[in-house]
Amino acid sequence: MEKSHLLFPELARAVKYKILVDKQLFLRQCASGINLFHLPASYRYPTGNIAGYFISLNWNNDFIILEKERKENNEYFIIDRQNETVKGPYNWNEYTATCKKIDLNLQLIPVSELDWIINF
């Protein structure tokens, strides 16, 4: 395992950052540990928020999937980009069943492997 994978979870707790999903949406980690999902036109008005720290995510034109770090078992969320709704938290079995039900086949990507911007 690369050292960056070991460092990132600790760094993510200490800094504010954002990950651009595409030109229409970005995810922003606040210093308070709240994740906000913004459309550029509504920067001050998040479309959803989830407290905690995400360790992996992925997206397509219809959905964003997120894995949230927990002490016991991680939690999973599915964001419907068309309806701007956040579903979850799911445990692993609920998450995989929901993905199968809506025909969502995306692999979670560790946040440390994505492009993210530190906010000052």
PDB file of N, CA and C in Angstrom:
ATOM      1  N   MET A   1       0.839  -1.180   0.000  1.00  0.00           N
ATOM      2  CA  MET A   1       0.000   0.000   0.000  1.00  0.00           C
ATOM      3  C   MET A   1       0.883   1.242   0.000  1.00  0.00           C
ATOM      4  N   GLU A   2       0.542   2.183  -0.871  1.00  0.00           N
ATOM      5  CA  GLU A   2       1.313   3.412  -0.935  1.00  0.00           C
ATOM      6  C   GLU A   2       1.069   4.255   0.304  1.00  0.00           C
ATOM      7  N   LYS A   3       2.054   5.058   0.655  1.00  0.00           N
ATOM      8  CA  LYS A   3       1.921   5.927   1.817  1.00  0.00           C
ATOM      9  C   LYS A   3       0.800   6.936   1.641  1.00  0.00           C
ATOM     10  N   SER A   4       0.511   7.361   0.421  1.00  0.00           N
ATOM     11  CA  SER A   4      -0.560   8.333   0.199  1.00  0.00           C
ATOM     12  C   SER A   4      -1.902   7.786   0.661  1.00  0.00           C
ATOM     13  N   HIS A   5      -2.119   6.482   0.541  1.00  0.00           N
ATOM     14  CA  HIS A   5      -3.372   5.884   0.986  1.00  0.00           C
ATOM     15  C   HIS A   5      -3.471   5.900   2.505  1.00  0.00           C
ATOM     16  N   LEU A   6      -2.340   5.831   3.178  1.00  0.00           N
ATOM     17  CA  LEU A   6      -2.337   5.879   4.634  1.00  0.00           C
ATOM     18  C   LEU A   6      -2.509   7.300   5.133  1.00  0.00           C
ATOM     19  N   LEU A   7      -1.965   8.260   4.428  1.00  0.00           N
ATOM     20  CA  LEU A   7      -2.003   9.648   4.848  1.00  0.00           C
ATOM     21  C   LEU A   7      -3.333  10.311   4.546  1.00  0.00           C
ATOM     22  N   PHE A   8      -3.968   9.966   3.446  1.00  0.00           N
ATOM     23  CA  PHE A   8      -5.144  10.707   3.018  1.00  0.00           C
ATOM     24  C   PHE A   8      -6.269  10.751   4.039  1.00  0.00           C
ATOM     25  N   PRO A   9      -6.681   9.643   4.661  1.00  0.00           N
ATOM     26  CA  PRO A   9      -7.775   9.747   5.631  1.00  0.00           C
ATOM     27  C   PRO A   9      -7.487  10.741   6.751  1.00  0.00           C
ATOM     28  N   GLU A  10      -6.257  10.810   7.202  1.00  0.00           N
ATOM     29  CA  GLU A  10      -5.909  11.771   8.245  1.00  0.00           C
ATOM     30  C   GLU A  10      -5.899  13.188   7.689  1.00  0.00           C
ATOM     31  N   LEU A  11      -5.379  13.370   6.489  1.00  0.00           N
ATOM     32  CA  LEU A  11      -5.359  14.679   5.858  1.00  0.00           C
ATOM     33  C   LEU A  11      -6.776  15.168   5.583  1.00  0.00           C
ATOM     34  N   ALA A  12      -7.652  14.272   5.144  1.00  0.00           N
ATOM     35  CA  ALA A  12      -9.023  14.649   4.823  1.00  0.00           C
ATOM     36  C   ALA A  12      -9.774  15.172   6.039  1.00  0.00           C
ATOM     37  N   ARG A  13      -9.394  14.744   7.217  1.00  0.00           N
ATOM     38  CA  ARG A  13     -10.043  15.227   8.429  1.00  0.00           C
ATOM     39  C   ARG A  13      -9.559  16.622   8.816  1.00  0.00           C
ATOM     40  N   ALA A  14      -8.400  17.007   8.334  1.00  0.00           N
ATOM     41  CA  ALA A  14      -7.779  18.258   8.766  1.00  0.00           C
ATOM     42  C   ALA A  14      -7.969  19.412   7.787  1.00  0.00           C
ATOM     43  N   VAL A  15      -8.345  19.129   6.559  1.00  0.00           N
ATOM     44  CA  VAL A  15      -8.447  20.188   5.557  1.00  0.00           C
ATOM     45  C   VAL A  15      -9.843  20.238   4.958  1.00  0.00           C
ATOM     46  N   LYS A  16     -10.164  21.377   4.381  1.00  0.00           N
ATOM     47  CA  LYS A  16     -11.383  21.524   3.600  1.00  0.00           C
ATOM     48  C   LYS A  16     -10.992  21.270   2.146  1.00  0.00           C
ATOM     49  N   TYR A  17     -11.802  20.524   1.435  1.00  0.00           N
ATOM     50  CA  TYR A  17     -11.483  20.242   0.038  1.00  0.00           C
ATOM     51  C   TYR A  17     -12.754  20.077  -0.764  1.00  0.00           C
ATOM     52  N   LYS A  18     -12.620  20.081  -2.075  1.00  0.00           N
ATOM     53  CA  LYS A  18     -13.758  19.774  -2.934  1.00  0.00           C
ATOM     54  C   LYS A  18     -13.297  18.871  -4.063  1.00  0.00           C
ATOM     55  N   ILE A  19     -14.220  18.069  -4.534  1.00  0.00           N
ATOM     56  CA  ILE A  19     -13.983  17.165  -5.653  1.00  0.00           C
ATOM     57  C   ILE A  19     -14.987  17.529  -6.737  1.00  0.00           C
ATOM     58  N   LEU A  20     -14.494  17.882  -7.908  1.00  0.00           N
ATOM     59  CA  LEU A  20     -15.373  18.219  -9.018  1.00  0.00           C
ATOM     60  C   LEU A  20     -15.909  16.934  -9.632  1.00  0.00           C
ATOM     61  N   VAL A  21     -17.220  16.812  -9.652  1.00  0.00           N
ATOM     62  CA  VAL A  21     -17.847  15.651 -10.274  1.00  0.00           C
ATOM     63  C   VAL A  21     -17.927  15.893 -11.774  1.00  0.00           C
ATOM     64  N   ASP A  22     -18.367  17.045 -12.155  1.00  0.00           N
ATOM     65  CA  ASP A  22     -18.331  17.510 -13.535  1.00  0.00           C
ATOM     66  C   ASP A  22     -18.612  19.003 -13.497  1.00  0.00           C
ATOM     67  N   LYS A  23     -18.938  19.585 -14.629  1.00  0.00           N
ATOM     68  CA  LYS A  23     -19.159  21.032 -14.654  1.00  0.00           C
ATOM     69  C   LYS A  23     -20.437  21.445 -13.936  1.00  0.00           C
ATOM     70  N   GLN A  24     -21.290  20.499 -13.600  1.00  0.00           N
ATOM     71  CA  GLN A  24     -22.568  20.832 -12.992  1.00  0.00           C
ATOM     72  C   GLN A  24     -22.636  20.577 -11.494  1.00  0.00           C
ATOM     73  N   LEU A  25     -21.666  19.904 -10.925  1.00  0.00           N
ATOM     74  CA  LEU A  25     -21.800  19.503  -9.529  1.00  0.00           C
ATOM     75  C   LEU A  25     -20.438  19.291  -8.904  1.00  0.00           C
ATOM     76  N   PHE A  26     -20.316  19.639  -7.630  1.00  0.00           N
ATOM     77  CA  PHE A  26     -19.109  19.278  -6.900  1.00  0.00           C
ATOM     78  C   PHE A  26     -19.454  18.899  -5.477  1.00  0.00           C
ATOM     79  N   LEU A  27     -18.584  18.099  -4.877  1.00  0.00           N
ATOM     80  CA  LEU A  27     -18.722  17.689  -3.485  1.00  0.00           C
ATOM     81  C   LEU A  27     -17.711  18.485  -2.685  1.00  0.00           C
ATOM     82  N   ARG A  28     -18.136  19.010  -1.548  1.00  0.00           N
ATOM     83  CA  ARG A  28     -17.254  19.854  -0.750  1.00  0.00           C
ATOM     84  C   ARG A  28     -17.216  19.345   0.680  1.00  0.00           C
ATOM     85  N   GLN A  29     -16.021  19.100   1.182  1.00  0.00           N
ATOM     86  CA  GLN A  29     -15.821  18.696   2.579  1.00  0.00           C
ATOM     87  C   GLN A  29     -15.519  19.954   3.378  1.00  0.00           C
ATOM     88  N   CYS A  30     -16.351  20.253   4.353  1.00  0.00           N
ATOM     89  CA  CYS A  30     -16.154  21.430   5.206  1.00  0.00           C
ATOM     90  C   CYS A  30     -15.299  21.055   6.412  1.00  0.00           C
ATOM     91  N   ALA A  31     -14.767  22.049   7.080  1.00  0.00           N
ATOM     92  CA  ALA A  31     -13.964  21.812   8.279  1.00  0.00           C
ATOM     93  C   ALA A  31     -14.780  21.128   9.368  1.00  0.00           C
ATOM     94  N   SER A  32     -16.096  21.309   9.346  1.00  0.00           N
ATOM     95  CA  SER A  32     -16.973  20.696  10.341  1.00  0.00           C
ATOM     96  C   SER A  32     -17.199  19.213  10.083  1.00  0.00           C
ATOM     97  N   GLY A  33     -16.683  18.705   8.972  1.00  0.00           N
ATOM     98  CA  GLY A  33     -16.887  17.300   8.640  1.00  0.00           C
ATOM     99  C   GLY A  33     -18.189  17.051   7.915  1.00  0.00           C
ATOM    100  N   ILE A  34     -18.804  18.112   7.386  1.00  0.00           N
ATOM    101  CA  ILE A  34     -20.043  17.972   6.633  1.00  0.00           C
ATOM    102  C   ILE A  34     -19.715  17.990   5.147  1.00  0.00           C
ATOM    103  N   ASN A  35     -20.276  17.071   4.411  1.00  0.00           N
ATOM    104  CA  ASN A  35     -20.102  17.010   2.963  1.00  0.00           C
ATOM    105  C   ASN A  35     -21.320  17.629   2.305  1.00  0.00           C
ATOM    106  N   LEU A  36     -21.101  18.584   1.422  1.00  0.00           N
ATOM    107  CA  LEU A  36     -22.182  19.277   0.741  1.00  0.00           C
ATOM    108  C   LEU A  36     -22.091  19.014  -0.752  1.00  0.00           C
ATOM    109  N   PHE A  37     -23.231  18.918  -1.408  1.00  0.00           N
ATOM    110  CA  PHE A  37     -23.294  18.664  -2.838  1.00  0.00           C
ATOM    111  C   PHE A  37     -23.894  19.891  -3.496  1.00  0.00           C
ATOM    112  N   HIS A  38     -23.129  20.576  -4.321  1.00  0.00           N
ATOM    113  CA  HIS A  38     -23.539  21.856  -4.881  1.00  0.00           C
ATOM    114  C   HIS A  38     -23.646  21.824  -6.391  1.00  0.00           C
ATOM    115  N   LEU A  39     -24.675  22.461  -6.890  1.00  0.00           N
ATOM    116  CA  LEU A  39     -24.709  22.850  -8.288  1.00  0.00           C
ATOM    117  C   LEU A  39     -24.076  24.232  -8.340  1.00  0.00           C
ATOM    118  N   PRO A  40     -23.297  24.553  -9.351  1.00  0.00           N
ATOM    119  CA  PRO A  40     -22.622  25.849  -9.378  1.00  0.00           C
ATOM    120  C   PRO A  40     -23.554  27.042  -9.214  1.00  0.00           C
ATOM    121  N   ALA A  41     -24.732  26.988  -9.806  1.00  0.00           N
ATOM    122  CA  ALA A  41     -25.660  28.115  -9.696  1.00  0.00           C
ATOM    123  C   ALA A  41     -26.201  28.282  -8.281  1.00  0.00           C
ATOM    124  N   SER A  42     -26.107  27.233  -7.480  1.00  0.00           N
ATOM    125  CA  SER A  42     -26.659  27.296  -6.121  1.00  0.00           C
ATOM    126  C   SER A  42     -25.564  27.060  -5.093  1.00  0.00           C
ATOM    127  N   TYR A  43     -24.404  27.675  -5.293  1.00  0.00           N
ATOM    128  CA  TYR A  43     -23.256  27.428  -4.426  1.00  0.00           C
ATOM    129  C   TYR A  43     -23.600  27.581  -2.955  1.00  0.00           C
ATOM    130  N   ARG A  44     -24.400  28.568  -2.623  1.00  0.00           N
ATOM    131  CA  ARG A  44     -24.740  28.800  -1.216  1.00  0.00           C
ATOM    132  C   ARG A  44     -25.866  27.883  -0.729  1.00  0.00           C
ATOM    133  N   TYR A  45     -26.471  27.161  -1.632  1.00  0.00           N
ATOM    134  CA  TYR A  45     -27.607  26.324  -1.269  1.00  0.00           C
ATOM    135  C   TYR A  45     -27.329  24.877  -1.648  1.00  0.00           C
ATOM    136  N   PRO A  46     -26.796  24.098  -0.740  1.00  0.00           N
ATOM    137  CA  PRO A  46     -26.448  22.715  -1.086  1.00  0.00           C
ATOM    138  C   PRO A  46     -27.677  21.881  -1.420  1.00  0.00           C
ATOM    139  N   THR A  47     -27.495  20.969  -2.340  1.00  0.00           N
ATOM    140  CA  THR A  47     -28.569  20.060  -2.715  1.00  0.00           C
ATOM    141  C   THR A  47     -28.684  18.903  -1.728  1.00  0.00           C
ATOM    142  N   GLY A  48     -27.702  18.704  -0.891  1.00  0.00           N
ATOM    143  CA  GLY A  48     -27.746  17.654   0.121  1.00  0.00           C
ATOM    144  C   GLY A  48     -26.526  17.743   0.994  1.00  0.00           C
ATOM    145  N   ASN A  49     -26.588  17.145   2.172  1.00  0.00           N
ATOM    146  CA  ASN A  49     -25.401  17.116   3.019  1.00  0.00           C
ATOM    147  C   ASN A  49     -25.407  15.862   3.868  1.00  0.00           C
ATOM    148  N   ILE A  50     -24.215  15.380   4.159  1.00  0.00           N
ATOM    149  CA  ILE A  50     -24.021  14.183   4.971  1.00  0.00           C
ATOM    150  C   ILE A  50     -22.828  14.447   5.876  1.00  0.00           C
ATOM    151  N   ALA A  51     -23.010  14.234   7.160  1.00  0.00           N
ATOM    152  CA  ALA A  51     -21.897  14.418   8.099  1.00  0.00           C
ATOM    153  C   ALA A  51     -20.943  13.232   8.006  1.00  0.00           C
ATOM    154  N   GLY A  52     -19.659  13.484   8.196  1.00  0.00           N
ATOM    155  CA  GLY A  52     -18.676  12.408   8.232  1.00  0.00           C
ATOM    156  C   GLY A  52     -17.624  12.537   7.159  1.00  0.00           C
ATOM    157  N   TYR A  53     -16.857  11.479   6.980  1.00  0.00           N
ATOM    158  CA  TYR A  53     -15.740  11.478   6.047  1.00  0.00           C
ATOM    159  C   TYR A  53     -15.901  10.353   5.041  1.00  0.00           C
ATOM    160  N   PHE A  54     -15.826  10.710   3.766  1.00  0.00           N
ATOM    161  CA  PHE A  54     -15.941   9.717   2.718  1.00  0.00           C
ATOM    162  C   PHE A  54     -14.578   9.181   2.349  1.00  0.00           C
ATOM    163  N   ILE A  55     -14.532   7.888   2.108  1.00  0.00           N
ATOM    164  CA  ILE A  55     -13.264   7.271   1.733  1.00  0.00           C
ATOM    165  C   ILE A  55     -13.251   6.835   0.273  1.00  0.00           C
ATOM    166  N   SER A  56     -14.433   6.722  -0.343  1.00  0.00           N
ATOM    167  CA  SER A  56     -14.477   6.381  -1.762  1.00  0.00           C
ATOM    168  C   SER A  56     -15.784   6.859  -2.371  1.00  0.00           C
ATOM    169  N   LEU A  57     -15.754   7.059  -3.674  1.00  0.00           N
ATOM    170  CA  LEU A  57     -16.939   7.491  -4.393  1.00  0.00           C
ATOM    171  C   LEU A  57     -16.757   7.220  -5.876  1.00  0.00           C
ATOM    172  N   ASN A  58     -17.823   7.415  -6.620  1.00  0.00           N
ATOM    173  CA  ASN A  58     -17.798   7.339  -8.077  1.00  0.00           C
ATOM    174  C   ASN A  58     -19.105   7.937  -8.567  1.00  0.00           C
ATOM    175  N   TRP A  59     -19.227   8.179  -9.873  1.00  0.00           N
ATOM    176  CA  TRP A  59     -20.436   8.775 -10.404  1.00  0.00           C
ATOM    177  C   TRP A  59     -20.582   8.469 -11.882  1.00  0.00           C
ATOM    178  N   ASN A  60     -21.811   8.642 -12.337  1.00  0.00           N
ATOM    179  CA  ASN A  60     -22.116   8.640 -13.761  1.00  0.00           C
ATOM    180  C   ASN A  60     -23.099   9.788 -13.989  1.00  0.00           C
ATOM    181  N   ASN A  61     -23.779   9.820 -15.118  1.00  0.00           N
ATOM    182  CA  ASN A  61     -24.698  10.929 -15.396  1.00  0.00           C
ATOM    183  C   ASN A  61     -25.920  10.939 -14.494  1.00  0.00           C
ATOM    184  N   ASP A  62     -26.265   9.807 -13.911  1.00  0.00           N
ATOM    185  CA  ASP A  62     -27.488   9.708 -13.122  1.00  0.00           C
ATOM    186  C   ASP A  62     -27.270   9.643 -11.617  1.00  0.00           C
ATOM    187  N   PHE A  63     -26.145   9.072 -11.177  1.00  0.00           N
ATOM    188  CA  PHE A  63     -25.950   8.820  -9.752  1.00  0.00           C
ATOM    189  C   PHE A  63     -24.534   9.154  -9.291  1.00  0.00           C
ATOM    190  N   ILE A  64     -24.426   9.406  -8.000  1.00  0.00           N
ATOM    191  CA  ILE A  64     -23.140   9.466  -7.310  1.00  0.00           C
ATOM    192  C   ILE A  64     -23.227   8.433  -6.199  1.00  0.00           C
ATOM    193  N   ILE A  65     -22.199   7.609  -6.054  1.00  0.00           N
ATOM    194  CA  ILE A  65     -22.154   6.648  -4.953  1.00  0.00           C
ATOM    195  C   ILE A  65     -21.014   7.039  -4.019  1.00  0.00           C
ATOM    196  N   LEU A  66     -21.250   6.857  -2.733  1.00  0.00           N
ATOM    197  CA  LEU A  66     -20.282   7.271  -1.720  1.00  0.00           C
ATOM    198  C   LEU A  66     -20.143   6.210  -0.650  1.00  0.00           C
ATOM    199  N   GLU A  67     -18.934   6.035  -0.158  1.00  0.00           N
ATOM    200  CA  GLU A  67     -18.672   5.157   0.981  1.00  0.00           C
ATOM    201  C   GLU A  67     -18.173   6.028   2.126  1.00  0.00           C
ATOM    202  N   LYS A  68     -18.872   5.971   3.242  1.00  0.00           N
ATOM    203  CA  LYS A  68     -18.540   6.781   4.414  1.00  0.00           C
ATOM    204  C   LYS A  68     -17.849   5.918   5.458  1.00  0.00           C
ATOM    205  N   GLU A  69     -16.755   6.427   5.974  1.00  0.00           N
ATOM    206  CA  GLU A  69     -15.995   5.707   6.993  1.00  0.00           C
ATOM    207  C   GLU A  69     -16.743   5.710   8.323  1.00  0.00           C
ATOM    208  N   ARG A  70     -16.824   4.530   8.936  1.00  0.00           N
ATOM    209  CA  ARG A  70     -17.428   4.362  10.266  1.00  0.00           C
ATOM    210  C   ARG A  70     -16.530   3.442  11.076  1.00  0.00           C
ATOM    211  N   LYS A  71     -16.619   3.527  12.390  1.00  0.00           N
ATOM    212  CA  LYS A  71     -15.768   2.686  13.241  1.00  0.00           C
ATOM    213  C   LYS A  71     -16.093   1.211  13.072  1.00  0.00           C
ATOM    214  N   GLU A  72     -17.354   0.879  13.047  1.00  0.00           N
ATOM    215  CA  GLU A  72     -17.760  -0.525  12.935  1.00  0.00           C
ATOM    216  C   GLU A  72     -17.838  -0.958  11.471  1.00  0.00           C
ATOM    217  N   ASN A  73     -18.919  -0.580  10.828  1.00  0.00           N
ATOM    218  CA  ASN A  73     -19.131  -0.928   9.421  1.00  0.00           C
ATOM    219  C   ASN A  73     -19.351   0.353   8.635  1.00  0.00           C
ATOM    220  N   ASN A  74     -18.735   0.455   7.483  1.00  0.00           N
ATOM    221  CA  ASN A  74     -18.901   1.646   6.661  1.00  0.00           C
ATOM    222  C   ASN A  74     -20.339   1.777   6.187  1.00  0.00           C
ATOM    223  N   GLU A  75     -20.718   3.007   5.857  1.00  0.00           N
ATOM    224  CA  GLU A  75     -22.052   3.294   5.346  1.00  0.00           C
ATOM    225  C   GLU A  75     -21.938   3.714   3.888  1.00  0.00           C
ATOM    226  N   TYR A  76     -23.012   3.490   3.142  1.00  0.00           N
ATOM    227  CA  TYR A  76     -23.020   3.767   1.707  1.00  0.00           C
ATOM    228  C   TYR A  76     -24.224   4.633   1.366  1.00  0.00           C
ATOM    229  N   PHE A  77     -24.023   5.547   0.422  1.00  0.00           N
ATOM    230  CA  PHE A  77     -25.064   6.475   0.007  1.00  0.00           C
ATOM    231  C   PHE A  77     -25.147   6.485  -1.507  1.00  0.00           C
ATOM    232  N   ILE A  78     -26.358   6.719  -2.008  1.00  0.00           N
ATOM    233  CA  ILE A  78     -26.594   6.869  -3.440  1.00  0.00           C
ATOM    234  C   ILE A  78     -27.312   8.197  -3.638  1.00  0.00           C
ATOM    235  N   ILE A  79     -26.717   9.054  -4.450  1.00  0.00           N
ATOM    236  CA  ILE A  79     -27.311  10.352  -4.743  1.00  0.00           C
ATOM    237  C   ILE A  79     -27.876  10.298  -6.153  1.00  0.00           C
ATOM    238  N   ASP A  80     -29.178  10.552  -6.258  1.00  0.00           N
ATOM    239  CA  ASP A  80     -29.840  10.613  -7.557  1.00  0.00           C
ATOM    240  C   ASP A  80     -29.638  12.027  -8.102  1.00  0.00           C
ATOM    241  N   ARG A  81     -28.858  12.161  -9.132  1.00  0.00           N
ATOM    242  CA  ARG A  81     -28.518  13.479  -9.674  1.00  0.00           C
ATOM    243  C   ARG A  81     -29.689  14.131 -10.389  1.00  0.00           C
ATOM    244  N   GLN A  82     -30.613  13.344 -10.903  1.00  0.00           N
ATOM    245  CA  GLN A  82     -31.756  13.925 -11.608  1.00  0.00           C
ATOM    246  C   GLN A  82     -32.757  14.531 -10.629  1.00  0.00           C
ATOM    247  N   ASN A  83     -33.000  13.833  -9.517  1.00  0.00           N
ATOM    248  CA  ASN A  83     -33.963  14.299  -8.512  1.00  0.00           C
ATOM    249  C   ASN A  83     -33.315  15.066  -7.368  1.00  0.00           C
ATOM    250  N   GLU A  84     -31.972  15.105  -7.344  1.00  0.00           N
ATOM    251  CA  GLU A  84     -31.205  15.747  -6.279  1.00  0.00           C
ATOM    252  C   GLU A  84     -31.625  15.223  -4.904  1.00  0.00           C
ATOM    253  N   THR A  85     -31.650  13.891  -4.792  1.00  0.00           N
ATOM    254  CA  THR A  85     -31.990  13.256  -3.522  1.00  0.00           C
ATOM    255  C   THR A  85     -30.843  12.375  -3.057  1.00  0.00           C
ATOM    256  N   VAL A  86     -30.703  12.272  -1.743  1.00  0.00           N
ATOM    257  CA  VAL A  86     -29.673  11.444  -1.125  1.00  0.00           C
ATOM    258  C   VAL A  86     -30.362  10.265  -0.453  1.00  0.00           C
ATOM    259  N   LYS A  87     -29.998   9.055  -0.839  1.00  0.00           N
ATOM    260  CA  LYS A  87     -30.553   7.838  -0.238  1.00  0.00           C
ATOM    261  C   LYS A  87     -29.477   7.151   0.591  1.00  0.00           C
ATOM    262  N   GLY A  88     -29.829   6.714   1.770  1.00  0.00           N
ATOM    263  CA  GLY A  88     -28.887   6.064   2.672  1.00  0.00           C
ATOM    264  C   GLY A  88     -28.984   6.698   4.046  1.00  0.00           C
ATOM    265  N   PRO A  89     -28.251   6.222   4.994  1.00  0.00           N
ATOM    266  CA  PRO A  89     -27.149   5.280   4.829  1.00  0.00           C
ATOM    267  C   PRO A  89     -27.627   3.839   4.664  1.00  0.00           C
ATOM    268  N   TYR A  90     -26.868   3.108   3.878  1.00  0.00           N
ATOM    269  CA  TYR A  90     -27.086   1.683   3.676  1.00  0.00           C
ATOM    270  C   TYR A  90     -25.909   0.920   4.264  1.00  0.00           C
ATOM    271  N   ASN A  91     -26.174  -0.302   4.753  1.00  0.00           N
ATOM    272  CA  ASN A  91     -25.050  -1.195   5.037  1.00  0.00           C
ATOM    273  C   ASN A  91     -24.655  -1.832   3.701  1.00  0.00           C
ATOM    274  N   TRP A  92     -23.596  -2.625   3.695  1.00  0.00           N
ATOM    275  CA  TRP A  92     -23.094  -3.181   2.435  1.00  0.00           C
ATOM    276  C   TRP A  92     -24.148  -3.996   1.698  1.00  0.00           C
ATOM    277  N   ASN A  93     -24.874  -4.855   2.412  1.00  0.00           N
ATOM    278  CA  ASN A  93     -25.877  -5.699   1.763  1.00  0.00           C
ATOM    279  C   ASN A  93     -27.021  -4.875   1.180  1.00  0.00           C
ATOM    280  N   GLU A  94     -27.488  -3.876   1.927  1.00  0.00           N
ATOM    281  CA  GLU A  94     -28.553  -2.999   1.429  1.00  0.00           C
ATOM    282  C   GLU A  94     -28.076  -2.205   0.209  1.00  0.00           C
ATOM    283  N   TYR A  95     -26.849  -1.732   0.289  1.00  0.00           N
ATOM    284  CA  TYR A  95     -26.276  -0.944  -0.804  1.00  0.00           C
ATOM    285  C   TYR A  95     -26.191  -1.770  -2.089  1.00  0.00           C
ATOM    286  N   THR A  96     -25.630  -2.974  -2.003  1.00  0.00           N
ATOM    287  CA  THR A  96     -25.487  -3.804  -3.206  1.00  0.00           C
ATOM    288  C   THR A  96     -26.850  -4.217  -3.760  1.00  0.00           C
ATOM    289  N   ALA A  97     -27.817  -4.479  -2.874  1.00  0.00           N
ATOM    290  CA  ALA A  97     -29.165  -4.830  -3.326  1.00  0.00           C
ATOM    291  C   ALA A  97     -29.826  -3.646  -4.034  1.00  0.00           C
ATOM    292  N   THR A  98     -29.653  -2.449  -3.489  1.00  0.00           N
ATOM    293  CA  THR A  98     -30.224  -1.246  -4.104  1.00  0.00           C
ATOM    294  C   THR A  98     -29.578  -0.976  -5.455  1.00  0.00           C
ATOM    295  N   CYS A  99     -28.265  -1.116  -5.534  1.00  0.00           N
ATOM    296  CA  CYS A  99     -27.568  -0.923  -6.816  1.00  0.00           C
ATOM    297  C   CYS A  99     -28.078  -1.903  -7.869  1.00  0.00           C
ATOM    298  N   LYS A 100     -28.274  -3.140  -7.467  1.00  0.00           N
ATOM    299  CA  LYS A 100     -28.779  -4.152  -8.399  1.00  0.00           C
ATOM    300  C   LYS A 100     -30.193  -3.796  -8.853  1.00  0.00           C
ATOM    301  N   LYS A 101     -31.013  -3.344  -7.913  1.00  0.00           N
ATOM    302  CA  LYS A 101     -32.407  -3.003  -8.204  1.00  0.00           C
ATOM    303  C   LYS A 101     -32.513  -1.864  -9.218  1.00  0.00           C
ATOM    304  N   ILE A 102     -31.628  -0.873  -9.117  1.00  0.00           N
ATOM    305  CA  ILE A 102     -31.684   0.273 -10.035  1.00  0.00           C
ATOM    306  C   ILE A 102     -30.686   0.140 -11.190  1.00  0.00           C
ATOM    307  N   ASP A 103     -30.093  -1.050 -11.319  1.00  0.00           N
ATOM    308  CA  ASP A 103     -29.145  -1.354 -12.395  1.00  0.00           C
ATOM    309  C   ASP A 103     -27.970  -0.377 -12.408  1.00  0.00           C
ATOM    310  N   LEU A 104     -27.394  -0.166 -11.231  1.00  0.00           N
ATOM    311  CA  LEU A 104     -26.252   0.728 -11.060  1.00  0.00           C
ATOM    312  C   LEU A 104     -25.004  -0.115 -10.862  1.00  0.00           C
ATOM    313  N   ASN A 105     -24.091  -0.038 -11.814  1.00  0.00           N
ATOM    314  CA  ASN A 105     -22.890  -0.862 -11.784  1.00  0.00           C
ATOM    315  C   ASN A 105     -21.648   0.026 -11.834  1.00  0.00           C
ATOM    316  N   LEU A 106     -21.312   0.642 -10.698  1.00  0.00           N
ATOM    317  CA  LEU A 106     -20.123   1.485 -10.581  1.00  0.00           C
ATOM    318  C   LEU A 106     -19.238   0.940  -9.475  1.00  0.00           C
ATOM    319  N   GLN A 107     -17.949   0.973  -9.703  1.00  0.00           N
ATOM    320  CA  GLN A 107     -16.998   0.579  -8.668  1.00  0.00           C
ATOM    321  C   GLN A 107     -16.630   1.808  -7.848  1.00  0.00           C
ATOM    322  N   LEU A 108     -16.569   1.660  -6.533  1.00  0.00           N
ATOM    323  CA  LEU A 108     -16.138   2.754  -5.672  1.00  0.00           C
ATOM    324  C   LEU A 108     -14.643   3.004  -5.864  1.00  0.00           C
ATOM    325  N   ILE A 109     -14.262   4.264  -5.975  1.00  0.00           N
ATOM    326  CA  ILE A 109     -12.862   4.660  -6.160  1.00  0.00           C
ATOM    327  C   ILE A 109     -12.396   5.373  -4.897  1.00  0.00           C
ATOM    328  N   PRO A 110     -11.271   4.967  -4.317  1.00  0.00           N
ATOM    329  CA  PRO A 110     -10.772   5.672  -3.128  1.00  0.00           C
ATOM    330  C   PRO A 110     -10.570   7.160  -3.424  1.00  0.00           C
ATOM    331  N   VAL A 111     -10.980   8.002  -2.481  1.00  0.00           N
ATOM    332  CA  VAL A 111     -10.865   9.446  -2.654  1.00  0.00           C
ATOM    333  C   VAL A 111      -9.420   9.847  -2.927  1.00  0.00           C
ATOM    334  N   SER A 112      -8.484   9.123  -2.361  1.00  0.00           N
ATOM    335  CA  SER A 112      -7.069   9.447  -2.560  1.00  0.00           C
ATOM    336  C   SER A 112      -6.634   9.301  -4.014  1.00  0.00           C
ATOM    337  N   GLU A 113      -7.405   8.597  -4.832  1.00  0.00           N
ATOM    338  CA  GLU A 113      -7.068   8.413  -6.242  1.00  0.00           C
ATOM    339  C   GLU A 113      -7.758   9.426  -7.153  1.00  0.00           C
ATOM    340  N   LEU A 114      -8.600  10.286  -6.580  1.00  0.00           N
ATOM    341  CA  LEU A 114      -9.336  11.275  -7.362  1.00  0.00           C
ATOM    342  C   LEU A 114      -8.639  12.628  -7.309  1.00  0.00           C
ATOM    343  N   ASP A 115      -8.995  13.491  -8.240  1.00  0.00           N
ATOM    344  CA  ASP A 115      -8.497  14.864  -8.208  1.00  0.00           C
ATOM    345  C   ASP A 115      -9.345  15.662  -7.229  1.00  0.00           C
ATOM    346  N   TRP A 116      -8.693  16.289  -6.275  1.00  0.00           N
ATOM    347  CA  TRP A 116      -9.419  17.124  -5.317  1.00  0.00           C
ATOM    348  C   TRP A 116      -8.641  18.394  -5.079  1.00  0.00           C
ATOM    349  N   ILE A 117      -9.359  19.429  -4.690  1.00  0.00           N
ATOM    350  CA  ILE A 117      -8.792  20.762  -4.532  1.00  0.00           C
ATOM    351  C   ILE A 117      -8.907  21.156  -3.072  1.00  0.00           C
ATOM    352  N   ILE A 118      -7.796  21.565  -2.481  1.00  0.00           N
ATOM    353  CA  ILE A 118      -7.830  22.027  -1.093  1.00  0.00           C
ATOM    354  C   ILE A 118      -8.365  23.449  -1.077  1.00  0.00           C
ATOM    355  N   ASN A 119      -9.354  23.700  -0.222  1.00  0.00           N
ATOM    356  CA  ASN A 119      -9.912  25.041  -0.039  1.00  0.00           C
ATOM    357  C   ASN A 119      -9.213  25.720   1.117  1.00  0.00           C
ATOM    358  N   PHE A 120      -8.837  26.946   0.934  1.00  0.00           N
ATOM    359  CA  PHE A 120      -8.187  27.699   2.004  1.00  0.00           C
ATOM    360  C   PHE A 120      -9.140  28.696   2.603  1.00  0.00           C
TER     361      PHE A 120
END
